[in-house]
PDB file of N, CA and C in Angstrom:
ATOM      1  N   MET A   1       0.429  -1.340  -0.211  1.00  0.00           N
ATOM      2  CA  MET A   1      -0.260  -0.254  -0.583  1.00  0.00           C
ATOM      3  C   MET A   1       0.915   1.371  -0.100  1.00  0.00           C
ATOM      4  N   LYS A   2       1.588   1.120   0.526  1.00  0.00           N
ATOM      5  CA  LYS A   2       2.465   2.223   0.738  1.00  0.00           C
ATOM      6  C   LYS A   2       3.155   2.305  -0.531  1.00  0.00           C
ATOM      7  N   ALA A   3       3.627   1.637  -1.723  1.00  0.00           N
ATOM      8  CA  ALA A   3       3.881   1.833  -2.815  1.00  0.00           C
ATOM      9  C   ALA A   3       3.099   2.870  -3.507  1.00  0.00           C
ATOM     10  N   LYS A   4       2.070   2.457  -3.473  1.00  0.00           N
ATOM     11  CA  LYS A   4       0.559   3.120  -4.376  1.00  0.00           C
ATOM     12  C   LYS A   4       0.902   4.035  -3.942  1.00  0.00           C
ATOM     13  N   ALA A   5       1.204   4.908  -2.389  1.00  0.00           N
ATOM     14  CA  ALA A   5       1.255   6.202  -1.804  1.00  0.00           C
ATOM     15  C   ALA A   5       1.982   6.978  -2.482  1.00  0.00           C
ATOM     16  N   ALA A   6       2.861   6.379  -2.245  1.00  0.00           N
ATOM     17  CA  ALA A   6       4.538   6.730  -3.314  1.00  0.00           C
ATOM     18  C   ALA A   6       3.978   7.420  -4.484  1.00  0.00           C
ATOM     19  N   PHE A   7       3.281   6.653  -5.574  1.00  0.00           N
ATOM     20  CA  PHE A   7       3.269   6.563  -7.037  1.00  0.00           C
ATOM     21  C   PHE A   7       2.225   7.402  -7.073  1.00  0.00           C
ATOM     22  N   ALA A   8       0.707   7.719  -6.046  1.00  0.00           N
ATOM     23  CA  ALA A   8       0.104   9.349  -6.128  1.00  0.00           C
ATOM     24  C   ALA A   8       0.911  10.618  -6.327  1.00  0.00           C
ATOM     25  N   VAL A   9       1.743  10.171  -5.098  1.00  0.00           N
ATOM     26  CA  VAL A   9       2.280  11.571  -4.685  1.00  0.00           C
ATOM     27  C   VAL A   9       3.024  12.284  -5.365  1.00  0.00           C
ATOM     28  N   PHE A  10       3.713  10.693  -6.250  1.00  0.00           N
ATOM     29  CA  PHE A  10       4.635  11.466  -7.017  1.00  0.00           C
ATOM     30  C   PHE A  10       4.171  12.202  -8.455  1.00  0.00           C
ATOM     31  N   LEU A  11       2.805  11.547  -9.304  1.00  0.00           N
ATOM     32  CA  LEU A  11       2.272  11.446 -10.153  1.00  0.00           C
ATOM     33  C   LEU A  11       1.260  13.302  -9.863  1.00  0.00           C
ATOM     34  N   GLY A  12       1.384  13.150  -8.414  1.00  0.00           N
ATOM     35  CA  GLY A  12       0.738  15.084  -8.270  1.00  0.00           C
ATOM     36  C   GLY A  12       1.993  16.058  -8.589  1.00  0.00           C
ATOM     37  N   LEU A  13       3.083  16.018  -8.608  1.00  0.00           N
ATOM     38  CA  LEU A  13       3.505  16.686  -8.246  1.00  0.00           C
ATOM     39  C   LEU A  13       3.933  16.688  -9.767  1.00  0.00           C
ATOM     40  N   PRO A  14       4.406  17.115 -10.617  1.00  0.00           N
ATOM     41  CA  PRO A  14       3.461  17.577 -12.014  1.00  0.00           C
ATOM     42  C   PRO A  14       2.865  18.480 -12.046  1.00  0.00           C
ATOM     43  N   ALA A  15       1.818  17.845 -12.046  1.00  0.00           N
ATOM     44  CA  ALA A  15       0.592  18.791 -11.491  1.00  0.00           C
ATOM     45  C   ALA A  15       0.489  19.913 -10.461  1.00  0.00           C
ATOM     46  N   ILE A  16       1.176  20.109  -9.876  1.00  0.00           N
ATOM     47  CA  ILE A  16       0.881  21.206  -8.595  1.00  0.00           C
ATOM     48  C   ILE A  16       2.437  22.144  -9.105  1.00  0.00           C
ATOM     49  N   GLY A  17       3.356  21.574 -10.270  1.00  0.00           N
ATOM     50  CA  GLY A  17       3.690  22.397 -11.339  1.00  0.00           C
ATOM     51  C   GLY A  17       2.666  23.100 -12.017  1.00  0.00           C
ATOM     52  N   LEU A  18       2.587  22.934 -12.754  1.00  0.00           N
ATOM     53  CA  LEU A  18       1.976  23.329 -13.885  1.00  0.00           C
ATOM     54  C   LEU A  18       0.921  23.693 -13.567  1.00  0.00           C
ATOM     55  N   GLY A  19       0.483  23.210 -11.922  1.00  0.00           N
ATOM     56  CA  GLY A  19      -0.972  24.726 -12.137  1.00  0.00           C
ATOM     57  C   GLY A  19      -0.695  25.995 -11.056  1.00  0.00           C
ATOM     58  N   ALA A  20       0.205  26.130 -11.360  1.00  0.00           N
ATOM     59  CA  ALA A  20       1.017  27.369 -10.987  1.00  0.00           C
ATOM     60  C   ALA A  20       1.151  28.598 -12.123  1.00  0.00           C
ATOM     61  N   CYS A  21       1.204  27.744 -13.540  1.00  0.00           N
ATOM     62  CA  CYS A  21       1.635  28.856 -14.423  1.00  0.00           C
ATOM     63  C   CYS A  21      -0.216  28.160 -15.339  1.00  0.00           C
ATOM     64  N   THR A  22      -1.240  27.867 -14.704  1.00  0.00           N
ATOM     65  CA  THR A  22      -2.116  28.072 -16.143  1.00  0.00           C
ATOM     66  C   THR A  22      -2.744  28.869 -15.243  1.00  0.00           C
ATOM     67  N   ASP A  23      -4.278  28.482 -15.543  1.00  0.00           N
ATOM     68  CA  ASP A  23      -5.008  29.706 -15.215  1.00  0.00           C
ATOM     69  C   ASP A  23      -6.470  28.952 -15.618  1.00  0.00           C
ATOM     70  N   ALA A  24      -7.335  28.536 -14.722  1.00  0.00           N
ATOM     71  CA  ALA A  24      -8.783  28.193 -15.324  1.00  0.00           C
ATOM     72  C   ALA A  24     -10.020  28.304 -16.306  1.00  0.00           C
ATOM     73  N   ASN A  25      -9.790  29.890 -16.765  1.00  0.00           N
ATOM     74  CA  ASN A  25     -10.254  30.213 -17.562  1.00  0.00           C
ATOM     75  C   ASN A  25      -9.018  30.069 -19.084  1.00  0.00           C
ATOM     76  N   THR A  26      -8.699  29.372 -19.004  1.00  0.00           N
ATOM     77  CA  THR A  26      -7.420  29.473 -20.609  1.00  0.00           C
ATOM     78  C   THR A  26      -7.538  28.062 -20.739  1.00  0.00           C
ATOM     79  N   TYR A  27      -6.753  27.899 -21.687  1.00  0.00           N
ATOM     80  CA  TYR A  27      -6.884  26.215 -21.968  1.00  0.00           C
ATOM     81  C   TYR A  27      -5.074  26.196 -22.959  1.00  0.00           C
ATOM     82  N   GLY A  28      -4.359  26.969 -22.749  1.00  0.00           N
ATOM     83  CA  GLY A  28      -2.460  26.915 -23.302  1.00  0.00           C
ATOM     84  C   GLY A  28      -2.795  28.479 -24.014  1.00  0.00           C
ATOM     85  N   PRO A  29      -1.574  28.352 -25.154  1.00  0.00           N
ATOM     86  CA  PRO A  29      -1.274  29.722 -25.671  1.00  0.00           C
ATOM     87  C   PRO A  29      -2.273  30.650 -25.873  1.00  0.00           C
ATOM     88  N   GLN A  30      -2.418  31.901 -25.795  1.00  0.00           N
ATOM     89  CA  GLN A  30      -3.713  32.705 -26.407  1.00  0.00           C
ATOM     90  C   GLN A  30      -3.127  34.051 -27.492  1.00  0.00           C
ATOM     91  N   LYS A  31      -3.228  34.304 -28.049  1.00  0.00           N
ATOM     92  CA  LYS A  31      -3.059  35.489 -28.395  1.00  0.00           C
ATOM     93  C   LYS A  31      -2.511  36.618 -27.851  1.00  0.00           C
ATOM     94  N   PHE A  32      -2.209  37.466 -28.049  1.00  0.00           N
ATOM     95  CA  PHE A  32      -1.045  38.408 -28.139  1.00  0.00           C
ATOM     96  C   PHE A  32      -2.220  38.997 -27.736  1.00  0.00           C
ATOM     97  N   ASP A  33      -2.837  40.155 -26.174  1.00  0.00           N
ATOM     98  CA  ASP A  33      -3.539  40.878 -26.467  1.00  0.00           C
ATOM     99  C   ASP A  33      -2.896  42.174 -25.696  1.00  0.00           C
ATOM    100  N   SER A  34      -2.868  43.185 -25.637  1.00  0.00           N
ATOM    101  CA  SER A  34      -1.840  44.300 -25.121  1.00  0.00           C
ATOM    102  C   SER A  34      -2.640  44.567 -23.764  1.00  0.00           C
ATOM    103  N   ALA A  35      -4.016  44.938 -23.655  1.00  0.00           N
ATOM    104  CA  ALA A  35      -4.942  44.931 -22.467  1.00  0.00           C
ATOM    105  C   ALA A  35      -4.860  44.055 -21.658  1.00  0.00           C
ATOM    106  N   GLN A  36      -4.575  43.154 -22.061  1.00  0.00           N
ATOM    107  CA  GLN A  36      -4.700  41.782 -20.950  1.00  0.00           C
ATOM    108  C   GLN A  36      -3.608  41.622 -20.781  1.00  0.00           C
ATOM    109  N   TRP A  37      -2.204  41.578 -21.069  1.00  0.00           N
ATOM    110  CA  TRP A  37      -0.931  41.708 -21.104  1.00  0.00           C
ATOM    111  C   TRP A  37      -0.826  42.684 -19.070  1.00  0.00           C
ATOM    112  N   LYS A  38      -0.842  44.053 -19.641  1.00  0.00           N
ATOM    113  CA  LYS A  38      -0.697  44.998 -18.672  1.00  0.00           C
ATOM    114  C   LYS A  38      -1.565  45.078 -17.834  1.00  0.00           C
ATOM    115  N   ALA A  39      -3.402  43.954 -17.488  1.00  0.00           N
ATOM    116  CA  ALA A  39      -3.206  43.775 -16.307  1.00  0.00           C
ATOM    117  C   ALA A  39      -3.027  42.921 -15.665  1.00  0.00           C
ATOM    118  N   ALA A  40      -2.498  42.171 -16.789  1.00  0.00           N
ATOM    119  CA  ALA A  40      -1.979  41.021 -15.814  1.00  0.00           C
ATOM    120  C   ALA A  40      -0.598  40.864 -14.931  1.00  0.00           C
ATOM    121  N   ASP A  41      -0.582  42.337 -13.702  1.00  0.00           N
ATOM    122  CA  ASP A  41       0.851  42.365 -13.115  1.00  0.00           C
ATOM    123  C   ASP A  41       0.986  41.356 -11.679  1.00  0.00           C
ATOM    124  N   ASP A  42       0.230  40.423 -11.023  1.00  0.00           N
ATOM    125  CA  ASP A  42       0.221  39.753 -10.735  1.00  0.00           C
ATOM    126  C   ASP A  42       0.812  38.506 -11.236  1.00  0.00           C
ATOM    127  N   VAL A  43       2.595  37.813 -10.674  1.00  0.00           N
ATOM    128  CA  VAL A  43       2.780  37.126 -11.061  1.00  0.00           C
ATOM    129  C   VAL A  43       2.304  35.392 -11.071  1.00  0.00           C
ATOM    130  N   ARG A  44       0.759  35.568 -10.043  1.00  0.00           N
ATOM    131  CA  ARG A  44      -0.150  34.355  -9.818  1.00  0.00           C
ATOM    132  C   ARG A  44      -0.967  34.455 -10.715  1.00  0.00           C
ATOM    133  N   ASP A  45      -1.015  35.661 -11.820  1.00  0.00           N
ATOM    134  CA  ASP A  45      -2.217  35.138 -13.248  1.00  0.00           C
ATOM    135  C   ASP A  45      -1.524  34.641 -14.698  1.00  0.00           C
ATOM    136  N   SER A  46      -1.788  34.005 -14.820  1.00  0.00           N
ATOM    137  CA  SER A  46      -0.904  32.898 -16.550  1.00  0.00           C
ATOM    138  C   SER A  46      -0.822  33.483 -17.787  1.00  0.00           C
ATOM    139  N   ALA A  47      -2.163  34.864 -17.407  1.00  0.00           N
ATOM    140  CA  ALA A  47      -2.539  35.336 -18.967  1.00  0.00           C
ATOM    141  C   ALA A  47      -1.100  35.286 -19.776  1.00  0.00           C
ATOM    142  N   ARG A  48       0.001  36.500 -19.560  1.00  0.00           N
ATOM    143  CA  ARG A  48       0.934  36.042 -19.907  1.00  0.00           C
ATOM    144  C   ARG A  48       2.105  35.148 -20.620  1.00  0.00           C
ATOM    145  N   CYS A  49       2.451  34.411 -18.980  1.00  0.00           N
ATOM    146  CA  CYS A  49       3.178  33.148 -19.934  1.00  0.00           C
ATOM    147  C   CYS A  49       2.276  32.515 -21.241  1.00  0.00           C
ATOM    148  N   ASP A  50       0.873  32.602 -21.247  1.00  0.00           N
ATOM    149  CA  ASP A  50      -0.441  32.100 -21.618  1.00  0.00           C
ATOM    150  C   ASP A  50       0.098  32.857 -23.318  1.00  0.00           C
ATOM    151  N   MET A  51       0.419  34.438 -23.470  1.00  0.00           N
ATOM    152  CA  MET A  51       0.933  34.913 -25.016  1.00  0.00           C
ATOM    153  C   MET A  51       1.956  35.003 -24.754  1.00  0.00           C
ATOM    154  N   VAL A  52       2.790  34.544 -24.062  1.00  0.00           N
ATOM    155  CA  VAL A  52       4.316  34.660 -24.683  1.00  0.00           C
ATOM    156  C   VAL A  52       4.529  34.228 -25.781  1.00  0.00           C
ATOM    157  N   ASP A  53       4.712  33.770 -26.279  1.00  0.00           N
ATOM    158  CA  ASP A  53       4.819  32.875 -27.550  1.00  0.00           C
ATOM    159  C   ASP A  53       4.128  33.609 -28.244  1.00  0.00           C
ATOM    160  N   ASP A  54       3.242  34.091 -28.732  1.00  0.00           N
ATOM    161  CA  ASP A  54       2.778  34.485 -29.888  1.00  0.00           C
ATOM    162  C   ASP A  54       3.259  35.919 -30.042  1.00  0.00           C
ATOM    163  N   LEU A  55       3.262  36.810 -28.341  1.00  0.00           N
ATOM    164  CA  LEU A  55       4.224  38.154 -28.549  1.00  0.00           C
ATOM    165  C   LEU A  55       5.508  38.187 -29.171  1.00  0.00           C
ATOM    166  N   ILE A  56       6.277  37.073 -28.554  1.00  0.00           N
ATOM    167  CA  ILE A  56       8.295  36.706 -29.707  1.00  0.00           C
ATOM    168  C   ILE A  56       7.301  36.322 -31.276  1.00  0.00           C
ATOM    169  N   ASP A  57       6.906  35.130 -31.179  1.00  0.00           N
ATOM    170  CA  ASP A  57       7.256  34.172 -32.370  1.00  0.00           C
ATOM    171  C   ASP A  57       5.955  35.049 -33.617  1.00  0.00           C
ATOM    172  N   ASN A  58       4.240  35.555 -33.655  1.00  0.00           N
ATOM    173  CA  ASN A  58       4.224  36.654 -34.302  1.00  0.00           C
ATOM    174  C   ASN A  58       3.645  37.869 -34.030  1.00  0.00           C
ATOM    175  N   VAL A  59       4.105  38.332 -33.066  1.00  0.00           N
ATOM    176  CA  VAL A  59       4.095  39.700 -32.851  1.00  0.00           C
ATOM    177  C   VAL A  59       5.094  40.463 -32.995  1.00  0.00           C
ATOM    178  N   GLY A  60       6.356  39.551 -32.027  1.00  0.00           N
ATOM    179  CA  GLY A  60       8.170  40.756 -31.886  1.00  0.00           C
ATOM    180  C   GLY A  60       7.664  41.113 -32.086  1.00  0.00           C
ATOM    181  N   LEU A  61       9.186  41.449 -31.061  1.00  0.00           N
ATOM    182  CA  LEU A  61      10.085  42.519 -30.585  1.00  0.00           C
ATOM    183  C   LEU A  61      11.010  43.266 -30.392  1.00  0.00           C
ATOM    184  N   GLU A  62      11.802  41.973 -31.290  1.00  0.00           N
ATOM    185  CA  GLU A  62      13.309  41.756 -31.700  1.00  0.00           C
ATOM    186  C   GLU A  62      12.852  43.645 -32.865  1.00  0.00           C
ATOM    187  N   GLY A  63      13.680  44.687 -32.488  1.00  0.00           N
ATOM    188  CA  GLY A  63      14.212  45.362 -33.368  1.00  0.00           C
ATOM    189  C   GLY A  63      13.086  47.052 -33.209  1.00  0.00           C
ATOM    190  N   ARG A  64      12.402  46.848 -32.049  1.00  0.00           N
ATOM    191  CA  ARG A  64      11.146  47.420 -31.995  1.00  0.00           C
ATOM    192  C   ARG A  64      12.172  48.525 -30.811  1.00  0.00           C
ATOM    193  N   SER A  65      11.203  50.118 -30.743  1.00  0.00           N
ATOM    194  CA  SER A  65      12.074  50.755 -30.653  1.00  0.00           C
ATOM    195  C   SER A  65      10.886  50.729 -28.496  1.00  0.00           C
ATOM    196  N   ARG A  66      12.250  51.199 -27.544  1.00  0.00           N
ATOM    197  CA  ARG A  66      11.749  51.182 -25.722  1.00  0.00           C
ATOM    198  C   ARG A  66      10.305  51.694 -26.139  1.00  0.00           C
ATOM    199  N   ALA A  67       9.805  52.614 -26.671  1.00  0.00           N
ATOM    200  CA  ALA A  67       8.440  53.283 -26.288  1.00  0.00           C
ATOM    201  C   ALA A  67       7.405  52.690 -27.297  1.00  0.00           C
ATOM    202  N   GLU A  68       7.538  52.262 -28.200  1.00  0.00           N
ATOM    203  CA  GLU A  68       6.998  50.772 -28.566  1.00  0.00           C
ATOM    204  C   GLU A  68       6.655  49.417 -27.620  1.00  0.00           C
ATOM    205  N   VAL A  69       7.721  49.319 -27.234  1.00  0.00           N
ATOM    206  CA  VAL A  69       7.151  47.899 -26.087  1.00  0.00           C
ATOM    207  C   VAL A  69       6.761  48.275 -24.887  1.00  0.00           C
ATOM    208  N   VAL A  70       7.274  49.703 -24.469  1.00  0.00           N
ATOM    209  CA  VAL A  70       6.410  50.441 -23.589  1.00  0.00           C
ATOM    210  C   VAL A  70       5.060  50.607 -23.474  1.00  0.00           C
ATOM    211  N   ARG A  71       4.566  50.628 -24.939  1.00  0.00           N
ATOM    212  CA  ARG A  71       3.249  50.510 -25.229  1.00  0.00           C
ATOM    213  C   ARG A  71       2.326  49.622 -25.001  1.00  0.00           C
ATOM    214  N   MET A  72       3.020  49.040 -25.387  1.00  0.00           N
ATOM    215  CA  MET A  72       2.691  47.275 -25.568  1.00  0.00           C
ATOM    216  C   MET A  72       2.691  46.518 -24.270  1.00  0.00           C
ATOM    217  N   LEU A  73       3.527  47.106 -23.972  1.00  0.00           N
ATOM    218  CA  LEU A  73       4.326  45.653 -22.592  1.00  0.00           C
ATOM    219  C   LEU A  73       3.578  46.853 -21.100  1.00  0.00           C
ATOM    220  N   GLY A  74       3.430  47.932 -21.489  1.00  0.00           N
ATOM    221  CA  GLY A  74       3.457  48.356 -20.042  1.00  0.00           C
ATOM    222  C   GLY A  74       5.337  48.476 -19.730  1.00  0.00           C
ATOM    223  N   GLU A  75       5.025  49.758 -18.499  1.00  0.00           N
ATOM    224  CA  GLU A  75       7.531  49.590 -18.308  1.00  0.00           C
ATOM    225  C   GLU A  75       7.339  48.434 -17.578  1.00  0.00           C
ATOM    226  N   PRO A  76       8.625  47.928 -18.129  1.00  0.00           N
ATOM    227  CA  PRO A  76       9.175  46.998 -17.588  1.00  0.00           C
ATOM    228  C   PRO A  76      10.013  47.219 -16.024  1.00  0.00           C
ATOM    229  N   VAL A  77      10.543  45.704 -15.471  1.00  0.00           N
ATOM    230  CA  VAL A  77      11.403  46.251 -14.624  1.00  0.00           C
ATOM    231  C   VAL A  77      12.612  46.176 -14.318  1.00  0.00           C
ATOM    232  N   THR A  78      13.372  47.550 -13.943  1.00  0.00           N
ATOM    233  CA  THR A  78      14.478  47.568 -14.685  1.00  0.00           C
ATOM    234  C   THR A  78      15.855  47.232 -12.192  1.00  0.00           C
ATOM    235  N   GLN A  79      16.726  46.715 -12.797  1.00  0.00           N
ATOM    236  CA  GLN A  79      17.979  46.809 -11.863  1.00  0.00           C
ATOM    237  C   GLN A  79      18.881  47.120 -12.802  1.00  0.00           C
ATOM    238  N   ASP A  80      19.901  47.955 -11.983  1.00  0.00           N
ATOM    239  CA  ASP A  80      20.849  48.025 -12.546  1.00  0.00           C
ATOM    240  C   ASP A  80      21.547  46.880 -12.410  1.00  0.00           C
ATOM    241  N   GLY A  81      22.704  46.377 -13.463  1.00  0.00           N
ATOM    242  CA  GLY A  81      23.451  45.930 -14.468  1.00  0.00           C
ATOM    243  C   GLY A  81      22.938  44.539 -14.137  1.00  0.00           C
ATOM    244  N   TYR A  82      21.457  44.440 -14.744  1.00  0.00           N
ATOM    245  CA  TYR A  82      20.367  43.518 -15.383  1.00  0.00           C
ATOM    246  C   TYR A  82      19.851  44.415 -16.237  1.00  0.00           C
ATOM    247  N   PRO A  83      19.496  43.366 -17.271  1.00  0.00           N
ATOM    248  CA  PRO A  83      18.633  43.287 -18.002  1.00  0.00           C
ATOM    249  C   PRO A  83      17.218  43.898 -17.671  1.00  0.00           C
ATOM    250  N   ASP A  84      16.803  44.664 -18.538  1.00  0.00           N
ATOM    251  CA  ASP A  84      14.780  44.859 -17.679  1.00  0.00           C
ATOM    252  C   ASP A  84      15.085  43.535 -18.490  1.00  0.00           C
ATOM    253  N   PHE A  85      12.957  43.609 -17.474  1.00  0.00           N
ATOM    254  CA  PHE A  85      12.825  42.194 -17.946  1.00  0.00           C
ATOM    255  C   PHE A  85      10.813  43.140 -16.916  1.00  0.00           C
ATOM    256  N   TYR A  86      10.096  41.713 -17.459  1.00  0.00           N
ATOM    257  CA  TYR A  86       8.470  41.516 -17.646  1.00  0.00           C
ATOM    258  C   TYR A  86       7.716  40.468 -16.771  1.00  0.00           C
ATOM    259  N   PHE A  87       7.364  39.937 -15.425  1.00  0.00           N
ATOM    260  CA  PHE A  87       8.018  39.025 -14.343  1.00  0.00           C
ATOM    261  C   PHE A  87       6.305  38.367 -15.753  1.00  0.00           C
ATOM    262  N   LEU A  88       6.099  36.924 -15.807  1.00  0.00           N
ATOM    263  CA  LEU A  88       5.525  36.192 -16.926  1.00  0.00           C
ATOM    264  C   LEU A  88       4.133  35.139 -15.489  1.00  0.00           C
ATOM    265  N   CYS A  89       4.560  34.499 -15.280  1.00  0.00           N
ATOM    266  CA  CYS A  89       4.019  33.507 -14.582  1.00  0.00           C
ATOM    267  C   CYS A  89       4.981  32.601 -13.182  1.00  0.00           C
ATOM    268  N   ALA A  90       3.721  32.005 -12.487  1.00  0.00           N
ATOM    269  CA  ALA A  90       5.035  31.735 -11.474  1.00  0.00           C
ATOM    270  C   ALA A  90       5.225  30.097 -12.266  1.00  0.00           C
ATOM    271  N   VAL A  91       5.963  29.430 -11.848  1.00  0.00           N
ATOM    272  CA  VAL A  91       6.142  28.115 -11.764  1.00  0.00           C
ATOM    273  C   VAL A  91       7.195  27.004 -10.887  1.00  0.00           C
ATOM    274  N   MET A  92       6.352  26.672 -10.168  1.00  0.00           N
ATOM    275  CA  MET A  92       6.541  26.114  -8.914  1.00  0.00           C
ATOM    276  C   MET A  92       6.925  27.241  -8.142  1.00  0.00           C
ATOM    277  N   ILE A  93       8.050  27.281  -7.664  1.00  0.00           N
ATOM    278  CA  ILE A  93       8.171  28.677  -6.900  1.00  0.00           C
ATOM    279  C   ILE A  93       8.559  30.170  -6.919  1.00  0.00           C
ATOM    280  N   ASP A  94       9.585  29.492  -8.761  1.00  0.00           N
ATOM    281  CA  ASP A  94      10.106  30.764  -9.397  1.00  0.00           C
ATOM    282  C   ASP A  94       9.030  30.699 -10.296  1.00  0.00           C
ATOM    283  N   PRO A  95       9.728  32.983 -10.333  1.00  0.00           N
ATOM    284  CA  PRO A  95       9.325  33.316 -11.221  1.00  0.00           C
ATOM    285  C   PRO A  95       9.610  33.354 -12.703  1.00  0.00           C
ATOM    286  N   ARG A  96       8.496  32.980 -13.899  1.00  0.00           N
ATOM    287  CA  ARG A  96       9.557  32.925 -15.113  1.00  0.00           C
ATOM    288  C   ARG A  96       9.474  34.977 -15.686  1.00  0.00           C
ATOM    289  N   ILE A  97      10.410  34.746 -16.547  1.00  0.00           N
ATOM    290  CA  ILE A  97      10.151  36.223 -16.752  1.00  0.00           C
ATOM    291  C   ILE A  97      10.483  35.953 -18.268  1.00  0.00           C
ATOM    292  N   LEU A  98       9.605  37.512 -18.887  1.00  0.00           N
ATOM    293  CA  LEU A  98      10.727  37.640 -20.621  1.00  0.00           C
ATOM    294  C   LEU A  98      12.139  38.795 -20.269  1.00  0.00           C
ATOM    295  N   GLU A  99      12.076  38.525 -20.400  1.00  0.00           N
ATOM    296  CA  GLU A  99      13.924  39.419 -20.776  1.00  0.00           C
ATOM    297  C   GLU A  99      13.863  40.217 -21.795  1.00  0.00           C
ATOM    298  N   ILE A 100      14.817  41.649 -21.618  1.00  0.00           N
ATOM    299  CA  ILE A 100      14.524  42.186 -22.636  1.00  0.00           C
ATOM    300  C   ILE A 100      16.166  43.224 -22.861  1.00  0.00           C
ATOM    301  N   GLU A 101      16.783  42.763 -23.575  1.00  0.00           N
ATOM    302  CA  GLU A 101      18.267  43.254 -23.745  1.00  0.00           C
ATOM    303  C   GLU A 101      17.888  44.650 -25.568  1.00  0.00           C
ATOM    304  N   TRP A 102      19.053  45.741 -24.861  1.00  0.00           N
ATOM    305  CA  TRP A 102      18.561  47.031 -25.654  1.00  0.00           C
ATOM    306  C   TRP A 102      19.766  47.109 -26.071  1.00  0.00           C
ATOM    307  N   GLU A 103      20.147  48.058 -27.464  1.00  0.00           N
ATOM    308  CA  GLU A 103      20.943  47.858 -28.081  1.00  0.00           C
ATOM    309  C   GLU A 103      20.304  49.581 -28.943  1.00  0.00           C
ATOM    310  N   ASN A 104      20.917  50.499 -29.058  1.00  0.00           N
ATOM    311  CA  ASN A 104      20.509  51.807 -30.124  1.00  0.00           C
ATOM    312  C   ASN A 104      18.771  51.984 -28.311  1.00  0.00           C
ATOM    313  N   ASP A 105      18.608  51.764 -27.521  1.00  0.00           N
ATOM    314  CA  ASP A 105      16.886  51.450 -27.282  1.00  0.00           C
ATOM    315  C   ASP A 105      15.882  50.519 -28.180  1.00  0.00           C
ATOM    316  N   ARG A 106      16.657  49.939 -29.052  1.00  0.00           N
ATOM    317  CA  ARG A 106      15.505  49.274 -29.541  1.00  0.00           C
ATOM    318  C   ARG A 106      16.607  47.997 -29.217  1.00  0.00           C
ATOM    319  N   VAL A 107      15.194  46.398 -29.267  1.00  0.00           N
ATOM    320  CA  VAL A 107      15.743  45.144 -28.293  1.00  0.00           C
ATOM    321  C   VAL A 107      16.150  45.128 -29.293  1.00  0.00           C
ATOM    322  N   ASN A 108      16.705  44.461 -28.640  1.00  0.00           N
ATOM    323  CA  ASN A 108      18.172  43.043 -29.592  1.00  0.00           C
ATOM    324  C   ASN A 108      17.852  41.858 -28.813  1.00  0.00           C
ATOM    325  N   LYS A 109      17.296  41.846 -27.802  1.00  0.00           N
ATOM    326  CA  LYS A 109      16.967  39.697 -27.691  1.00  0.00           C
ATOM    327  C   LYS A 109      15.942  40.326 -26.760  1.00  0.00           C
ATOM    328  N   ALA A 110      15.504  39.212 -27.283  1.00  0.00           N
ATOM    329  CA  ALA A 110      13.972  39.108 -26.267  1.00  0.00           C
ATOM    330  C   ALA A 110      13.779  37.247 -25.814  1.00  0.00           C
ATOM    331  N   THR A 111      14.039  37.830 -24.284  1.00  0.00           N
ATOM    332  CA  THR A 111      14.541  35.700 -23.960  1.00  0.00           C
ATOM    333  C   THR A 111      13.549  35.669 -23.133  1.00  0.00           C
ATOM    334  N   VAL A 112      12.590  34.050 -23.303  1.00  0.00           N
ATOM    335  CA  VAL A 112      11.717  33.964 -22.041  1.00  0.00           C
ATOM    336  C   VAL A 112      13.034  32.355 -20.855  1.00  0.00           C
ATOM    337  N   ARG A 113      12.926  33.578 -19.481  1.00  0.00           N
ATOM    338  CA  ARG A 113      13.723  32.267 -19.049  1.00  0.00           C
ATOM    339  C   ARG A 113      13.029  32.264 -17.355  1.00  0.00           C
ATOM    340  N   ASP A 114      13.562  30.637 -17.175  1.00  0.00           N
ATOM    341  CA  ASP A 114      13.107  30.864 -15.586  1.00  0.00           C
ATOM    342  C   ASP A 114      14.396  31.707 -14.888  1.00  0.00           C
ATOM    343  N   THR A 115      13.920  32.165 -13.500  1.00  0.00           N
ATOM    344  CA  THR A 115      15.227  32.916 -12.438  1.00  0.00           C
ATOM    345  C   THR A 115      15.824  31.626 -12.152  1.00  0.00           C
TER     346      THR A 115
END
């Protein structure tokens, strides 16, 4: 009986991790929507995680000016010595971010990563 209980706990762990970055109202990837992106200002909201692939792959960020990006996404988080970033969602206990590297006030690189 102990083996079954351990197996059930093991199977439940991935669901807990996925639940941190999903929302009951969405079902995976969503089209990018600037208003929804800006409204999702809490890392517990998965809307940004659901839209980030469309934002990068279809809308595109590289080459856009800082003013365009701020208009689309709002103000990024800035810290001295680090690239600007936007919180996306929580994965387990660490937040996933969209990191923006600028060159001449234009997006040089946009990367999604776990912190």
